Every structure is written in C-alpha cells, then in structure tokens.
Amino acid sequence: MADRYLTVAQVAELLGTTERFPRRLIAERRIVFVKVGRHVRIPESALNAFIDANTVQPIGHWRSSLRRAA
C-alpha cells in the first residue's frame, strides 16, 4: 500500500499543534521527511512511528505503600 505524504499543516492539524512544532521536528531531524523541490512532506507512516515512539504508557497498579499519607 502506498504511503500518504502529508504537508506540515496537515501534520500540525493531526497533532493538534501549530505548524511550528512539526517544522521544529524537521529542523532537528527528529522525524523522517521528504523534500520535493522546496516542499517538505512527512510520510504518514513516519508520523505514526513518531507518535508510537513518544507515547508514554500508564504505570500499572500503585503499591499501597506509595499511597500512605504522612
């Protein structure tokens, strides 16, 4: 299946951020991107990989000793 290539604006909308954030990710080489002439596109699979790599899982059950009041 072919990968969709997203614009910076589309990535920002999907992430719920301004365009500055995906541009910073590109500038810092923290996400895979493709240059098409002067345009920058981010493969949808790269965005999904970035989200997966930065997803923080919740901690399991707290131990009762951690819940004690002082």
C-alpha atoms as a PDB file:
ATOM      1  CA  MET A   1       0.000   0.000   0.000  1.00  0.00           C
ATOM      2  CA  ALA A   2       1.357   3.434  -0.888  1.00  0.00           C
ATOM      3  CA  ASP A   3       2.165   5.883   1.878  1.00  0.00           C
ATOM      4  CA  ARG A   4       0.357   9.234   2.055  1.00  0.00           C
ATOM      5  CA  TYR A   5       2.637  12.248   2.200  1.00  0.00           C
ATOM      6  CA  LEU A   6       1.366  14.977   4.500  1.00  0.00           C
ATOM      7  CA  THR A   7       2.103  18.681   4.476  1.00  0.00           C
ATOM      8  CA  VAL A   8       3.382  20.438   7.575  1.00  0.00           C
ATOM      9  CA  ALA A   9      -0.074  21.975   8.026  1.00  0.00           C
ATOM     10  CA  GLN A  10      -1.752  18.549   7.871  1.00  0.00           C
ATOM     11  CA  VAL A  11       0.699  17.107  10.406  1.00  0.00           C
ATOM     12  CA  ALA A  12       0.120  20.061  12.731  1.00  0.00           C
ATOM     13  CA  GLU A  13      -3.639  19.578  12.479  1.00  0.00           C
ATOM     14  CA  LEU A  14      -3.383  15.840  13.215  1.00  0.00           C
ATOM     15  CA  LEU A  15      -1.153  16.508  16.227  1.00  0.00           C
ATOM     16  CA  GLY A  16      -3.298  19.395  17.413  1.00  0.00           C
ATOM     17  CA  THR A  17      -0.368  21.839  17.376  1.00  0.00           C
ATOM     18  CA  THR A  18       0.750  24.857  15.415  1.00  0.00           C
ATOM     19  CA  GLU A  19       2.876  24.437  12.284  1.00  0.00           C
ATOM     20  CA  ARG A  20       5.919  25.484  14.267  1.00  0.00           C
ATOM     21  CA  PHE A  21       6.113  22.128  16.096  1.00  0.00           C
ATOM     22  CA  PRO A  22       6.384  19.850  13.011  1.00  0.00           C
ATOM     23  CA  ARG A  23       8.812  22.343  11.458  1.00  0.00           C
ATOM     24  CA  ARG A  24      10.967  22.088  14.577  1.00  0.00           C
ATOM     25  CA  LEU A  25      10.841  18.273  14.383  1.00  0.00           C
ATOM     26  CA  ILE A  26      12.062  18.530  10.791  1.00  0.00           C
ATOM     27  CA  ALA A  27      14.804  21.050  11.612  1.00  0.00           C
ATOM     28  CA  GLU A  28      16.063  18.881  14.485  1.00  0.00           C
ATOM     29  CA  ARG A  29      15.841  15.739  12.293  1.00  0.00           C
ATOM     30  CA  ARG A  30      13.561  14.081  14.849  1.00  0.00           C
ATOM     31  CA  ILE A  31      11.095  12.858  12.208  1.00  0.00           C
ATOM     32  CA  VAL A  32      11.508  11.363   8.754  1.00  0.00           C
ATOM     33  CA  PHE A  33      10.629  13.752   5.938  1.00  0.00           C
ATOM     34  CA  VAL A  34      10.854  14.008   2.162  1.00  0.00           C
ATOM     35  CA  LYS A  35      11.874  17.084   0.227  1.00  0.00           C
ATOM     36  CA  VAL A  36      10.014  17.556  -3.044  1.00  0.00           C
ATOM     37  CA  GLY A  37      11.698  20.554  -4.577  1.00  0.00           C
ATOM     38  CA  ARG A  38      11.261  23.262  -1.980  1.00  0.00           C
ATOM     39  CA  HIS A  39       8.303  21.498  -0.381  1.00  0.00           C
ATOM     40  CA  VAL A  40       8.563  19.249   2.666  1.00  0.00           C
ATOM     41  CA  ARG A  41       6.318  16.238   3.129  1.00  0.00           C
ATOM     42  CA  ILE A  42       6.094  13.792   6.005  1.00  0.00           C
ATOM     43  CA  PRO A  43       5.099  10.204   5.261  1.00  0.00           C
ATOM     44  CA  GLU A  44       2.062   9.134   7.259  1.00  0.00           C
ATOM     45  CA  SER A  45       3.943   6.033   8.420  1.00  0.00           C
ATOM     46  CA  ALA A  46       6.749   8.261   9.793  1.00  0.00           C
ATOM     47  CA  LEU A  47       4.205  10.327  11.724  1.00  0.00           C
ATOM     48  CA  ASN A  48       2.651   7.167  13.164  1.00  0.00           C
ATOM     49  CA  ALA A  49       6.122   5.860  14.110  1.00  0.00           C
ATOM     50  CA  PHE A  50       6.942   9.182  15.797  1.00  0.00           C
ATOM     51  CA  ILE A  51       3.699   9.065  17.778  1.00  0.00           C
ATOM     52  CA  ASP A  52       4.286   5.420  18.783  1.00  0.00           C
ATOM     53  CA  ALA A  53       7.875   6.132  19.857  1.00  0.00           C
ATOM     54  CA  ASN A  54       6.785   9.064  22.026  1.00  0.00           C
ATOM     55  CA  THR A  55       3.689   7.521  23.561  1.00  0.00           C
ATOM     56  CA  VAL A  56       4.024   7.127  27.319  1.00  0.00           C
ATOM     57  CA  GLN A  57       2.211   4.149  28.760  1.00  0.00           C
ATOM     58  CA  PRO A  58       0.459   4.484  32.135  1.00  0.00           C
ATOM     59  CA  ILE A  59       2.068   2.949  35.173  1.00  0.00           C
ATOM     60  CA  GLY A  60       0.428  -0.218  36.437  1.00  0.00           C
ATOM     61  CA  HIS A  61      -1.194  -0.526  39.824  1.00  0.00           C
ATOM     62  CA  TRP A  62       0.264   1.609  42.558  1.00  0.00           C
ATOM     63  CA  ARG A  63       1.548  -0.201  45.591  1.00  0.00           C
ATOM     64  CA  SER A  64      -0.365   0.589  48.746  1.00  0.00           C
ATOM     65  CA  SER A  65       2.849   1.801  50.453  1.00  0.00           C
ATOM     66  CA  LEU A  66       3.062   4.649  47.970  1.00  0.00           C
ATOM     67  CA  ARG A  67      -0.428   5.876  48.837  1.00  0.00           C
ATOM     68  CA  ARG A  68       0.104   6.354  52.553  1.00  0.00           C
ATOM     69  CA  ALA A  69      -0.438   9.798  53.930  1.00  0.00           C
ATOM     70  CA  ALA A  70       2.333  11.354  56.007  1.00  0.00           C
END
